Amino acid sequence: MPSTGDHTRWLASHKAATSRLAIRWLHDRAQDVTDQLDDPHASPARTACLEESAAAVLLLASRRLSVTWCHGVAPDPVRLHAWLRTQDEILVAEPPSTLAYTPALTIGARHQSQP
């Protein structure tokens, strides 16, 4: 194939009805890529709640969907966690055990109309 000088490659396009489905689709595509790699390259970096929630915030923001990015702590033993919630305080793709965490930092606009 002749080179056009354009290094941009179209990878995929997917329309999701909810943020949860969008995140699931993104996770599945990442798994498809890592399934094709040899160890140890299949997992070149840590991916946990912080990385996954950051990616979800960026994906949703690119679609002009607003969420609050929460960073919290739970005691005994001390655990850290990052998660998303809607403006209505609904957890996004999280188990009920996330309610055990106390938010220490929340990032996201909480716009309230002024009377």
PDB file of N, CA and C in Angstrom:
ATOM      1  N   MET A   1       0.846  -1.173   0.000  1.00  0.00           N
ATOM      2  CA  MET A   1       0.000   0.000   0.000  1.00  0.00           C
ATOM      3  C   MET A   1       0.893   1.238   0.000  1.00  0.00           C
ATOM      4  N   PRO A   2       0.674   2.168  -0.905  1.00  0.00           N
ATOM      5  CA  PRO A   2       1.515   3.365  -0.974  1.00  0.00           C
ATOM      6  C   PRO A   2       1.302   4.258   0.248  1.00  0.00           C
ATOM      7  N   SER A   3       2.383   4.918   0.632  1.00  0.00           N
ATOM      8  CA  SER A   3       2.319   5.825   1.771  1.00  0.00           C
ATOM      9  C   SER A   3       1.706   7.152   1.335  1.00  0.00           C
ATOM     10  N   THR A   4       0.778   7.633   2.149  1.00  0.00           N
ATOM     11  CA  THR A   4       0.145   8.918   1.850  1.00  0.00           C
ATOM     12  C   THR A   4       0.733  10.032   2.694  1.00  0.00           C
ATOM     13  N   GLY A   5       1.622   9.667   3.610  1.00  0.00           N
ATOM     14  CA  GLY A   5       2.191  10.669   4.499  1.00  0.00           C
ATOM     15  C   GLY A   5       1.329  10.909   5.730  1.00  0.00           C
ATOM     16  N   ASP A   6       0.132  10.356   5.737  1.00  0.00           N
ATOM     17  CA  ASP A   6      -0.773  10.502   6.879  1.00  0.00           C
ATOM     18  C   ASP A   6      -0.566   9.325   7.821  1.00  0.00           C
ATOM     19  N   HIS A   7      -0.184   9.602   9.055  1.00  0.00           N
ATOM     20  CA  HIS A   7       0.081   8.541  10.017  1.00  0.00           C
ATOM     21  C   HIS A   7      -1.123   8.221  10.888  1.00  0.00           C
ATOM     22  N   THR A   8      -2.256   8.818  10.621  1.00  0.00           N
ATOM     23  CA  THR A   8      -3.464   8.560  11.392  1.00  0.00           C
ATOM     24  C   THR A   8      -4.115   7.279  10.897  1.00  0.00           C
ATOM     25  N   ARG A   9      -4.487   6.409  11.818  1.00  0.00           N
ATOM     26  CA  ARG A   9      -5.161   5.161  11.473  1.00  0.00           C
ATOM     27  C   ARG A   9      -6.504   5.103  12.200  1.00  0.00           C
ATOM     28  N   TRP A  10      -7.549   4.755  11.472  1.00  0.00           N
ATOM     29  CA  TRP A  10      -8.877   4.600  12.057  1.00  0.00           C
ATOM     30  C   TRP A  10      -8.938   3.221  12.702  1.00  0.00           C
ATOM     31  N   LEU A  11      -9.191   3.154  14.006  1.00  0.00           N
ATOM     32  CA  LEU A  11      -9.209   1.874  14.699  1.00  0.00           C
ATOM     33  C   LEU A  11     -10.619   1.308  14.833  1.00  0.00           C
ATOM     34  N   ALA A  12     -11.541   2.116  15.315  1.00  0.00           N
ATOM     35  CA  ALA A  12     -12.891   1.601  15.539  1.00  0.00           C
ATOM     36  C   ALA A  12     -13.841   2.738  15.846  1.00  0.00           C
ATOM     37  N   SER A  13     -15.105   2.415  15.722  1.00  0.00           N
ATOM     38  CA  SER A  13     -16.147   3.358  16.089  1.00  0.00           C
ATOM     39  C   SER A  13     -17.264   2.556  16.724  1.00  0.00           C
ATOM     40  N   HIS A  14     -17.795   3.062  17.812  1.00  0.00           N
ATOM     41  CA  HIS A  14     -18.852   2.346  18.506  1.00  0.00           C
ATOM     42  C   HIS A  14     -19.769   3.351  19.181  1.00  0.00           C
ATOM     43  N   LYS A  15     -21.049   3.167  19.003  1.00  0.00           N
ATOM     44  CA  LYS A  15     -22.028   4.030  19.661  1.00  0.00           C
ATOM     45  C   LYS A  15     -22.643   3.235  20.807  1.00  0.00           C
ATOM     46  N   ALA A  16     -22.549   3.773  22.013  1.00  0.00           N
ATOM     47  CA  ALA A  16     -23.069   3.088  23.192  1.00  0.00           C
ATOM     48  C   ALA A  16     -24.212   3.889  23.794  1.00  0.00           C
ATOM     49  N   ALA A  17     -25.206   3.187  24.278  1.00  0.00           N
ATOM     50  CA  ALA A  17     -26.389   3.831  24.844  1.00  0.00           C
ATOM     51  C   ALA A  17     -26.121   4.424  26.228  1.00  0.00           C
ATOM     52  N   THR A  18     -25.167   3.843  26.962  1.00  0.00           N
ATOM     53  CA  THR A  18     -24.868   4.326  28.317  1.00  0.00           C
ATOM     54  C   THR A  18     -23.365   4.382  28.522  1.00  0.00           C
ATOM     55  N   SER A  19     -22.945   5.114  29.540  1.00  0.00           N
ATOM     56  CA  SER A  19     -21.517   5.191  29.847  1.00  0.00           C
ATOM     57  C   SER A  19     -20.987   3.827  30.269  1.00  0.00           C
ATOM     58  N   ARG A  20     -21.796   3.044  30.958  1.00  0.00           N
ATOM     59  CA  ARG A  20     -21.368   1.709  31.385  1.00  0.00           C
ATOM     60  C   ARG A  20     -21.061   0.822  30.175  1.00  0.00           C
ATOM     61  N   LEU A  21     -21.925   0.873  29.157  1.00  0.00           N
ATOM     62  CA  LEU A  21     -21.693   0.087  27.948  1.00  0.00           C
ATOM     63  C   LEU A  21     -20.480   0.598  27.179  1.00  0.00           C
ATOM     64  N   ALA A  22     -20.259   1.914  27.187  1.00  0.00           N
ATOM     65  CA  ALA A  22     -19.084   2.478  26.519  1.00  0.00           C
ATOM     66  C   ALA A  22     -17.807   2.001  27.191  1.00  0.00           C
ATOM     67  N   ILE A  23     -17.792   1.996  28.518  1.00  0.00           N
ATOM     68  CA  ILE A  23     -16.619   1.543  29.260  1.00  0.00           C
ATOM     69  C   ILE A  23     -16.386   0.050  29.018  1.00  0.00           C
ATOM     70  N   ARG A  24     -17.458  -0.735  29.012  1.00  0.00           N
ATOM     71  CA  ARG A  24     -17.327  -2.169  28.758  1.00  0.00           C
ATOM     72  C   ARG A  24     -16.747  -2.419  27.364  1.00  0.00           C
ATOM     73  N   TRP A  25     -17.249  -1.673  26.366  1.00  0.00           N
ATOM     74  CA  TRP A  25     -16.743  -1.825  25.003  1.00  0.00           C
ATOM     75  C   TRP A  25     -15.257  -1.476  24.942  1.00  0.00           C
ATOM     76  N   LEU A  26     -14.862  -0.367  25.587  1.00  0.00           N
ATOM     77  CA  LEU A  26     -13.466   0.056  25.595  1.00  0.00           C
ATOM     78  C   LEU A  26     -12.581  -1.003  26.258  1.00  0.00           C
ATOM     79  N   HIS A  27     -13.027  -1.549  27.369  1.00  0.00           N
ATOM     80  CA  HIS A  27     -12.285  -2.591  28.076  1.00  0.00           C
ATOM     81  C   HIS A  27     -12.130  -3.828  27.190  1.00  0.00           C
ATOM     82  N   ASP A  28     -13.200  -4.228  26.510  1.00  0.00           N
ATOM     83  CA  ASP A  28     -13.138  -5.395  25.633  1.00  0.00           C
ATOM     84  C   ASP A  28     -12.157  -5.186  24.483  1.00  0.00           C
ATOM     85  N   ARG A  29     -12.116  -3.983  23.910  1.00  0.00           N
ATOM     86  CA  ARG A  29     -11.177  -3.716  22.817  1.00  0.00           C
ATOM     87  C   ARG A  29      -9.740  -3.776  23.325  1.00  0.00           C
ATOM     88  N   ALA A  30      -9.492  -3.236  24.517  1.00  0.00           N
ATOM     89  CA  ALA A  30      -8.141  -3.304  25.097  1.00  0.00           C
ATOM     90  C   ALA A  30      -7.749  -4.766  25.335  1.00  0.00           C
ATOM     91  N   GLN A  31      -8.692  -5.574  25.786  1.00  0.00           N
ATOM     92  CA  GLN A  31      -8.415  -6.998  26.003  1.00  0.00           C
ATOM     93  C   GLN A  31      -8.115  -7.692  24.681  1.00  0.00           C
ATOM     94  N   ASP A  32      -8.827  -7.322  23.608  1.00  0.00           N
ATOM     95  CA  ASP A  32      -8.559  -7.891  22.290  1.00  0.00           C
ATOM     96  C   ASP A  32      -7.111  -7.635  21.863  1.00  0.00           C
ATOM     97  N   VAL A  33      -6.620  -6.434  22.141  1.00  0.00           N
ATOM     98  CA  VAL A  33      -5.246  -6.088  21.780  1.00  0.00           C
ATOM     99  C   VAL A  33      -4.254  -6.883  22.622  1.00  0.00           C
ATOM    100  N   THR A  34      -4.443  -6.914  23.930  1.00  0.00           N
ATOM    101  CA  THR A  34      -3.483  -7.611  24.794  1.00  0.00           C
ATOM    102  C   THR A  34      -3.502  -9.116  24.557  1.00  0.00           C
ATOM    103  N   ASP A  35      -4.630  -9.674  24.100  1.00  0.00           N
ATOM    104  CA  ASP A  35      -4.685 -11.108  23.802  1.00  0.00           C
ATOM    105  C   ASP A  35      -3.737 -11.478  22.664  1.00  0.00           C
ATOM    106  N   GLN A  36      -3.384 -10.516  21.836  1.00  0.00           N
ATOM    107  CA  GLN A  36      -2.519 -10.778  20.692  1.00  0.00           C
ATOM    108  C   GLN A  36      -1.039 -10.571  20.999  1.00  0.00           C
ATOM    109  N   LEU A  37      -0.717 -10.110  22.206  1.00  0.00           N
ATOM    110  CA  LEU A  37       0.668  -9.835  22.581  1.00  0.00           C
ATOM    111  C   LEU A  37       1.283 -11.003  23.330  1.00  0.00           C
ATOM    112  N   ASP A  38       2.594 -11.152  23.199  1.00  0.00           N
ATOM    113  CA  ASP A  38       3.328 -12.162  23.950  1.00  0.00           C
ATOM    114  C   ASP A  38       3.622 -11.629  25.344  1.00  0.00           C
ATOM    115  N   ASP A  39       3.670 -12.541  26.335  1.00  0.00           N
ATOM    116  CA  ASP A  39       4.094 -12.129  27.665  1.00  0.00           C
ATOM    117  C   ASP A  39       5.550 -11.699  27.594  1.00  0.00           C
ATOM    118  N   PRO A  40       6.081 -10.750  28.304  1.00  0.00           N
ATOM    119  CA  PRO A  40       5.432  -9.914  29.305  1.00  0.00           C
ATOM    120  C   PRO A  40       4.787  -8.655  28.736  1.00  0.00           C
ATOM    121  N   HIS A  41       4.704  -8.530  27.426  1.00  0.00           N
ATOM    122  CA  HIS A  41       4.179  -7.320  26.811  1.00  0.00           C
ATOM    123  C   HIS A  41       2.662  -7.220  26.902  1.00  0.00           C
ATOM    124  N   ALA A  42       1.996  -8.296  27.282  1.00  0.00           N
ATOM    125  CA  ALA A  42       0.539  -8.285  27.342  1.00  0.00           C
ATOM    126  C   ALA A  42       0.021  -7.329  28.410  1.00  0.00           C
ATOM    127  N   SER A  43       0.808  -7.080  29.420  1.00  0.00           N
ATOM    128  CA  SER A  43       0.413  -6.139  30.460  1.00  0.00           C
ATOM    129  C   SER A  43       1.594  -5.226  30.769  1.00  0.00           C
ATOM    130  N   PRO A  44       1.857  -4.252  29.883  1.00  0.00           N
ATOM    131  CA  PRO A  44       3.046  -3.421  30.061  1.00  0.00           C
ATOM    132  C   PRO A  44       2.945  -2.435  31.221  1.00  0.00           C
ATOM    133  N   ALA A  45       1.764  -2.226  31.740  1.00  0.00           N
ATOM    134  CA  ALA A  45       1.595  -1.277  32.839  1.00  0.00           C
ATOM    135  C   ALA A  45       0.424  -1.711  33.709  1.00  0.00           C
ATOM    136  N   ARG A  46       0.395  -1.173  34.891  1.00  0.00           N
ATOM    137  CA  ARG A  46      -0.690  -1.450  35.823  1.00  0.00           C
ATOM    138  C   ARG A  46      -1.966  -0.793  35.309  1.00  0.00           C
ATOM    139  N   THR A  47      -3.070  -1.508  35.379  1.00  0.00           N
ATOM    140  CA  THR A  47      -4.375  -0.894  35.097  1.00  0.00           C
ATOM    141  C   THR A  47      -5.309  -1.299  36.213  1.00  0.00           C
ATOM    142  N   ALA A  48      -5.646  -0.338  37.005  1.00  0.00           N
ATOM    143  CA  ALA A  48      -6.551  -0.567  38.119  1.00  0.00           C
ATOM    144  C   ALA A  48      -7.559   0.571  38.143  1.00  0.00           C
ATOM    145  N   CYS A  49      -8.196   0.761  39.267  1.00  0.00           N
ATOM    146  CA  CYS A  49      -9.302   1.718  39.354  1.00  0.00           C
ATOM    147  C   CYS A  49      -8.907   3.138  38.941  1.00  0.00           C
ATOM    148  N   LEU A  50      -7.711   3.576  39.285  1.00  0.00           N
ATOM    149  CA  LEU A  50      -7.296   4.942  38.944  1.00  0.00           C
ATOM    150  C   LEU A  50      -7.184   5.118  37.433  1.00  0.00           C
ATOM    151  N   GLU A  51      -6.488   4.188  36.789  1.00  0.00           N
ATOM    152  CA  GLU A  51      -6.308   4.283  35.343  1.00  0.00           C
ATOM    153  C   GLU A  51      -7.625   4.089  34.598  1.00  0.00           C
ATOM    154  N   GLU A  52      -8.421   3.121  35.028  1.00  0.00           N
ATOM    155  CA  GLU A  52      -9.694   2.861  34.360  1.00  0.00           C
ATOM    156  C   GLU A  52     -10.666   4.026  34.520  1.00  0.00           C
ATOM    157  N   SER A  53     -10.722   4.596  35.710  1.00  0.00           N
ATOM    158  CA  SER A  53     -11.644   5.718  35.921  1.00  0.00           C
ATOM    159  C   SER A  53     -11.172   6.959  35.166  1.00  0.00           C
ATOM    160  N   ALA A  54      -9.855   7.181  35.098  1.00  0.00           N
ATOM    161  CA  ALA A  54      -9.330   8.326  34.336  1.00  0.00           C
ATOM    162  C   ALA A  54      -9.671   8.177  32.856  1.00  0.00           C
ATOM    163  N   ALA A  55      -9.493   6.967  32.318  1.00  0.00           N
ATOM    164  CA  ALA A  55      -9.830   6.723  30.911  1.00  0.00           C
ATOM    165  C   ALA A  55     -11.320   6.942  30.669  1.00  0.00           C
ATOM    166  N   ALA A  56     -12.141   6.496  31.598  1.00  0.00           N
ATOM    167  CA  ALA A  56     -13.595   6.665  31.452  1.00  0.00           C
ATOM    168  C   ALA A  56     -13.985   8.139  31.489  1.00  0.00           C
ATOM    169  N   VAL A  57     -13.363   8.921  32.380  1.00  0.00           N
ATOM    170  CA  VAL A  57     -13.643  10.359  32.451  1.00  0.00           C
ATOM    171  C   VAL A  57     -13.322  11.019  31.109  1.00  0.00           C
ATOM    172  N   LEU A  58     -12.170  10.679  30.533  1.00  0.00           N
ATOM    173  CA  LEU A  58     -11.775  11.269  29.255  1.00  0.00           C
ATOM    174  C   LEU A  58     -12.708  10.842  28.125  1.00  0.00           C
ATOM    175  N   LEU A  59     -13.063   9.567  28.108  1.00  0.00           N
ATOM    176  CA  LEU A  59     -13.979   9.076  27.083  1.00  0.00           C
ATOM    177  C   LEU A  59     -15.332   9.776  27.181  1.00  0.00           C
ATOM    178  N   LEU A  60     -15.866   9.865  28.384  1.00  0.00           N
ATOM    179  CA  LEU A  60     -17.173  10.505  28.569  1.00  0.00           C
ATOM    180  C   LEU A  60     -17.104  11.999  28.264  1.00  0.00           C
ATOM    181  N   ALA A  61     -16.011  12.644  28.650  1.00  0.00           N
ATOM    182  CA  ALA A  61     -15.859  14.076  28.362  1.00  0.00           C
ATOM    183  C   ALA A  61     -15.798  14.322  26.857  1.00  0.00           C
ATOM    184  N   SER A  62     -15.179  13.395  26.119  1.00  0.00           N
ATOM    185  CA  SER A  62     -15.115  13.555  24.664  1.00  0.00           C
ATOM    186  C   SER A  62     -16.500  13.480  24.031  1.00  0.00           C
ATOM    187  N   ARG A  63     -17.426  12.895  24.751  1.00  0.00           N
ATOM    188  CA  ARG A  63     -18.811  12.810  24.275  1.00  0.00           C
ATOM    189  C   ARG A  63     -19.717  13.807  24.997  1.00  0.00           C
ATOM    190  N   ARG A  64     -19.069  14.736  25.707  1.00  0.00           N
ATOM    191  CA  ARG A  64     -19.763  15.795  26.450  1.00  0.00           C
ATOM    192  C   ARG A  64     -20.732  15.247  27.507  1.00  0.00           C
ATOM    193  N   LEU A  65     -20.321  14.155  28.150  1.00  0.00           N
ATOM    194  CA  LEU A  65     -21.086  13.576  29.254  1.00  0.00           C
ATOM    195  C   LEU A  65     -20.346  13.881  30.545  1.00  0.00           C
ATOM    196  N   SER A  66     -21.062  14.355  31.522  1.00  0.00           N
ATOM    197  CA  SER A  66     -20.443  14.808  32.760  1.00  0.00           C
ATOM    198  C   SER A  66     -20.592  13.773  33.875  1.00  0.00           C
ATOM    199  N   VAL A  67     -19.502  13.519  34.580  1.00  0.00           N
ATOM    200  CA  VAL A  67     -19.491  12.668  35.765  1.00  0.00           C
ATOM    201  C   VAL A  67     -18.582  13.316  36.804  1.00  0.00           C
ATOM    202  N   THR A  68     -18.657  12.822  38.016  1.00  0.00           N
ATOM    203  CA  THR A  68     -17.749  13.259  39.074  1.00  0.00           C
ATOM    204  C   THR A  68     -16.740  12.137  39.303  1.00  0.00           C
ATOM    205  N   TRP A  69     -15.456  12.501  39.290  1.00  0.00           N
ATOM    206  CA  TRP A  69     -14.379  11.547  39.509  1.00  0.00           C
ATOM    207  C   TRP A  69     -14.050  11.578  40.995  1.00  0.00           C
ATOM    208  N   CYS A  70     -14.231  10.474  41.661  1.00  0.00           N
ATOM    209  CA  CYS A  70     -14.050  10.404  43.112  1.00  0.00           C
ATOM    210  C   CYS A  70     -12.804   9.598  43.468  1.00  0.00           C
ATOM    211  N   HIS A  71     -12.102  10.076  44.486  1.00  0.00           N
ATOM    212  CA  HIS A  71     -10.933   9.385  45.033  1.00  0.00           C
ATOM    213  C   HIS A  71     -11.206   9.278  46.530  1.00  0.00           C
ATOM    214  N   GLY A  72     -11.174   8.040  47.044  1.00  0.00           N
ATOM    215  CA  GLY A  72     -11.529   7.880  48.446  1.00  0.00           C
ATOM    216  C   GLY A  72     -10.690   6.848  49.163  1.00  0.00           C
ATOM    217  N   VAL A  73     -11.006   6.712  50.444  1.00  0.00           N
ATOM    218  CA  VAL A  73     -10.265   5.820  51.331  1.00  0.00           C
ATOM    219  C   VAL A  73     -11.259   5.039  52.192  1.00  0.00           C
ATOM    220  N   ALA A  74     -10.898   3.784  52.484  1.00  0.00           N
ATOM    221  CA  ALA A  74     -11.672   2.955  53.405  1.00  0.00           C
ATOM    222  C   ALA A  74     -10.703   2.436  54.471  1.00  0.00           C
ATOM    223  N   PRO A  75     -11.169   2.328  55.716  1.00  0.00           N
ATOM    224  CA  PRO A  75     -10.287   1.898  56.804  1.00  0.00           C
ATOM    225  C   PRO A  75     -10.242   0.375  56.988  1.00  0.00           C
ATOM    226  N   ASP A  76      -9.239  -0.058  57.725  1.00  0.00           N
ATOM    227  CA  ASP A  76      -9.124  -1.399  58.313  1.00  0.00           C
ATOM    228  C   ASP A  76      -9.311  -2.550  57.347  1.00  0.00           C
ATOM    229  N   PRO A  77      -8.339  -2.922  56.573  1.00  0.00           N
ATOM    230  CA  PRO A  77      -7.087  -2.214  56.344  1.00  0.00           C
ATOM    231  C   PRO A  77      -7.322  -1.013  55.425  1.00  0.00           C
ATOM    232  N   VAL A  78      -6.414  -0.068  55.479  1.00  0.00           N
ATOM    233  CA  VAL A  78      -6.564   1.143  54.672  1.00  0.00           C
ATOM    234  C   VAL A  78      -6.499   0.759  53.197  1.00  0.00           C
ATOM    235  N   ARG A  79      -7.512   1.210  52.462  1.00  0.00           N
ATOM    236  CA  ARG A  79      -7.590   0.937  51.026  1.00  0.00           C
ATOM    237  C   ARG A  79      -7.926   2.227  50.307  1.00  0.00           C
ATOM    238  N   LEU A  80      -7.364   2.395  49.119  1.00  0.00           N
ATOM    239  CA  LEU A  80      -7.652   3.552  48.281  1.00  0.00           C
ATOM    240  C   LEU A  80      -8.441   3.091  47.065  1.00  0.00           C
ATOM    241  N   HIS A  81      -9.290   3.981  46.547  1.00  0.00           N
ATOM    242  CA  HIS A  81     -10.108   3.612  45.395  1.00  0.00           C
ATOM    243  C   HIS A  81     -10.471   4.865  44.612  1.00  0.00           C
ATOM    244  N   ALA A  82     -10.643   4.699  43.311  1.00  0.00           N
ATOM    245  CA  ALA A  82     -11.116   5.787  42.449  1.00  0.00           C
ATOM    246  C   ALA A  82     -12.331   5.266  41.692  1.00  0.00           C
ATOM    247  N   TRP A  83     -13.359   6.101  41.557  1.00  0.00           N
ATOM    248  CA  TRP A  83     -14.583   5.689  40.893  1.00  0.00           C
ATOM    249  C   TRP A  83     -15.303   6.898  40.326  1.00  0.00           C
ATOM    250  N   LEU A  84     -16.348   6.622  39.561  1.00  0.00           N
ATOM    251  CA  LEU A  84     -17.156   7.684  38.961  1.00  0.00           C
ATOM    252  C   LEU A  84     -18.563   7.639  39.528  1.00  0.00           C
ATOM    253  N   ARG A  85     -19.175   8.807  39.575  1.00  0.00           N
ATOM    254  CA  ARG A  85     -20.592   8.864  39.924  1.00  0.00           C
ATOM    255  C   ARG A  85     -21.239   9.956  39.091  1.00  0.00           C
ATOM    256  N   THR A  86     -22.524   9.804  38.902  1.00  0.00           N
ATOM    257  CA  THR A  86     -23.272  10.784  38.123  1.00  0.00           C
ATOM    258  C   THR A  86     -23.557  12.005  38.979  1.00  0.00           C
ATOM    259  N   GLN A  87     -24.123  13.029  38.363  1.00  0.00           N
ATOM    260  CA  GLN A  87     -24.486  14.228  39.119  1.00  0.00           C
ATOM    261  C   GLN A  87     -25.577  13.938  40.138  1.00  0.00           C
ATOM    262  N   ASP A  88     -26.302  12.821  39.940  1.00  0.00           N
ATOM    263  CA  ASP A  88     -27.341  12.409  40.888  1.00  0.00           C
ATOM    264  C   ASP A  88     -26.794  11.486  41.979  1.00  0.00           C
ATOM    265  N   GLU A  89     -25.459  11.425  42.089  1.00  0.00           N
ATOM    266  CA  GLU A  89     -24.770  10.622  43.105  1.00  0.00           C
ATOM    267  C   GLU A  89     -24.893   9.113  42.865  1.00  0.00           C
ATOM    268  N   ILE A  90     -25.218   8.692  41.662  1.00  0.00           N
ATOM    269  CA  ILE A  90     -25.332   7.271  41.337  1.00  0.00           C
ATOM    270  C   ILE A  90     -23.959   6.764  40.897  1.00  0.00           C
ATOM    271  N   LEU A  91     -23.521   5.638  41.479  1.00  0.00           N
ATOM    272  CA  LEU A  91     -22.231   5.055  41.121  1.00  0.00           C
ATOM    273  C   LEU A  91     -22.281   4.530  39.691  1.00  0.00           C
ATOM    274  N   VAL A  92     -21.201   4.720  38.952  1.00  0.00           N
ATOM    275  CA  VAL A  92     -21.117   4.265  37.570  1.00  0.00           C
ATOM    276  C   VAL A  92     -20.297   2.976  37.520  1.00  0.00           C
ATOM    277  N   ALA A  93     -20.952   1.870  37.175  1.00  0.00           N
ATOM    278  CA  ALA A  93     -20.287   0.568  37.016  1.00  0.00           C
ATOM    279  C   ALA A  93     -19.477   0.172  38.253  1.00  0.00           C
ATOM    280  N   GLU A  94     -20.053   0.345  39.417  1.00  0.00           N
ATOM    281  CA  GLU A  94     -19.375   0.020  40.671  1.00  0.00           C
ATOM    282  C   GLU A  94     -20.245  -0.894  41.526  1.00  0.00           C
ATOM    283  N   PRO A  95     -19.613  -1.791  42.289  1.00  0.00           N
ATOM    284  CA  PRO A  95     -20.377  -2.628  43.211  1.00  0.00           C
ATOM    285  C   PRO A  95     -20.807  -1.811  44.430  1.00  0.00           C
ATOM    286  N   PRO A  96     -21.810  -2.285  45.160  1.00  0.00           N
ATOM    287  CA  PRO A  96     -22.249  -1.571  46.370  1.00  0.00           C
ATOM    288  C   PRO A  96     -21.153  -1.396  47.417  1.00  0.00           C
ATOM    289  N   SER A  97     -20.125  -2.244  47.394  1.00  0.00           N
ATOM    290  CA  SER A  97     -19.033  -2.131  48.373  1.00  0.00           C
ATOM    291  C   SER A  97     -18.273  -0.820  48.244  1.00  0.00           C
ATOM    292  N   THR A  98     -18.423  -0.124  47.128  1.00  0.00           N
ATOM    293  CA  THR A  98     -17.764   1.174  46.944  1.00  0.00           C
ATOM    294  C   THR A  98     -18.288   2.183  47.966  1.00  0.00           C
ATOM    295  N   LEU A  99     -19.491   1.974  48.461  1.00  0.00           N
ATOM    296  CA  LEU A  99     -20.063   2.896  49.455  1.00  0.00           C
ATOM    297  C   LEU A  99     -19.275   2.884  50.763  1.00  0.00           C
ATOM    298  N   ALA A 100     -18.399   1.896  50.963  1.00  0.00           N
ATOM    299  CA  ALA A 100     -17.559   1.843  52.169  1.00  0.00           C
ATOM    300  C   ALA A 100     -16.452   2.892  52.127  1.00  0.00           C
ATOM    301  N   TYR A 101     -16.185   3.465  50.944  1.00  0.00           N
ATOM    302  CA  TYR A 101     -15.115   4.450  50.792  1.00  0.00           C
ATOM    303  C   TYR A 101     -15.636   5.853  51.068  1.00  0.00           C
ATOM    304  N   THR A 102     -14.839   6.622  51.784  1.00  0.00           N
ATOM    305  CA  THR A 102     -15.142   8.019  52.043  1.00  0.00           C
ATOM    306  C   THR A 102     -14.405   8.872  51.019  1.00  0.00           C
ATOM    307  N   PRO A 103     -15.130   9.658  50.223  1.00  0.00           N
ATOM    308  CA  PRO A 103     -14.435  10.502  49.241  1.00  0.00           C
ATOM    309  C   PRO A 103     -13.504  11.492  49.931  1.00  0.00           C
ATOM    310  N   ALA A 104     -12.253  11.512  49.480  1.00  0.00           N
ATOM    311  CA  ALA A 104     -11.275  12.478  49.982  1.00  0.00           C
ATOM    312  C   ALA A 104     -11.089  13.605  48.970  1.00  0.00           C
ATOM    313  N   LEU A 105     -11.345  13.296  47.700  1.00  0.00           N
ATOM    314  CA  LEU A 105     -11.219  14.273  46.628  1.00  0.00           C
ATOM    315  C   LEU A 105     -12.244  13.942  45.561  1.00  0.00           C
ATOM    316  N   THR A 106     -12.981  14.940  45.124  1.00  0.00           N
ATOM    317  CA  THR A 106     -13.897  14.765  44.007  1.00  0.00           C
ATOM    318  C   THR A 106     -13.572  15.811  42.953  1.00  0.00           C
ATOM    319  N   ILE A 107     -13.568  15.373  41.714  1.00  0.00           N
ATOM    320  CA  ILE A 107     -13.247  16.264  40.601  1.00  0.00           C
ATOM    321  C   ILE A 107     -14.414  16.223  39.628  1.00  0.00           C
ATOM    322  N   GLY A 108     -14.965  17.371  39.359  1.00  0.00           N
ATOM    323  CA  GLY A 108     -16.089  17.448  38.438  1.00  0.00           C
ATOM    324  C   GLY A 108     -16.987  18.589  38.840  1.00  0.00           C
ATOM    325  N   ALA A 109     -17.570  19.188  37.836  1.00  0.00           N
ATOM    326  CA  ALA A 109     -18.424  20.358  38.098  1.00  0.00           C
ATOM    327  C   ALA A 109     -19.737  19.928  38.710  1.00  0.00           C
ATOM    328  N   ARG A 110     -20.126  20.635  39.719  1.00  0.00           N
ATOM    329  CA  ARG A 110     -21.461  20.465  40.313  1.00  0.00           C
ATOM    330  C   ARG A 110     -22.185  21.772  40.112  1.00  0.00           C
ATOM    331  N   HIS A 111     -22.730  21.936  38.936  1.00  0.00           N
ATOM    332  CA  HIS A 111     -23.428  23.177  38.595  1.00  0.00           C
ATOM    333  C   HIS A 111     -24.814  23.175  39.211  1.00  0.00           C
ATOM    334  N   GLN A 112     -25.114  24.225  39.915  1.00  0.00           N
ATOM    335  CA  GLN A 112     -26.452  24.387  40.468  1.00  0.00           C
ATOM    336  C   GLN A 112     -26.981  25.709  39.971  1.00  0.00           C
ATOM    337  N   SER A 113     -28.241  25.699  39.611  1.00  0.00           N
ATOM    338  CA  SER A 113     -28.823  26.934  39.086  1.00  0.00           C
ATOM    339  C   SER A 113     -28.996  27.947  40.217  1.00  0.00           C
ATOM    340  N   GLN A 114     -28.716  29.183  39.887  1.00  0.00           N
ATOM    341  CA  GLN A 114     -28.867  30.257  40.847  1.00  0.00           C
ATOM    342  C   GLN A 114     -30.275  30.844  40.738  1.00  0.00           C
ATOM    343  N   PRO A 115     -30.957  31.092  41.861  1.00  0.00           N
ATOM    344  CA  PRO A 115     -32.304  31.654  41.789  1.00  0.00           C
ATOM    345  C   PRO A 115     -32.280  33.090  41.294  1.00  0.00           C
TER     346      PRO A 115
END
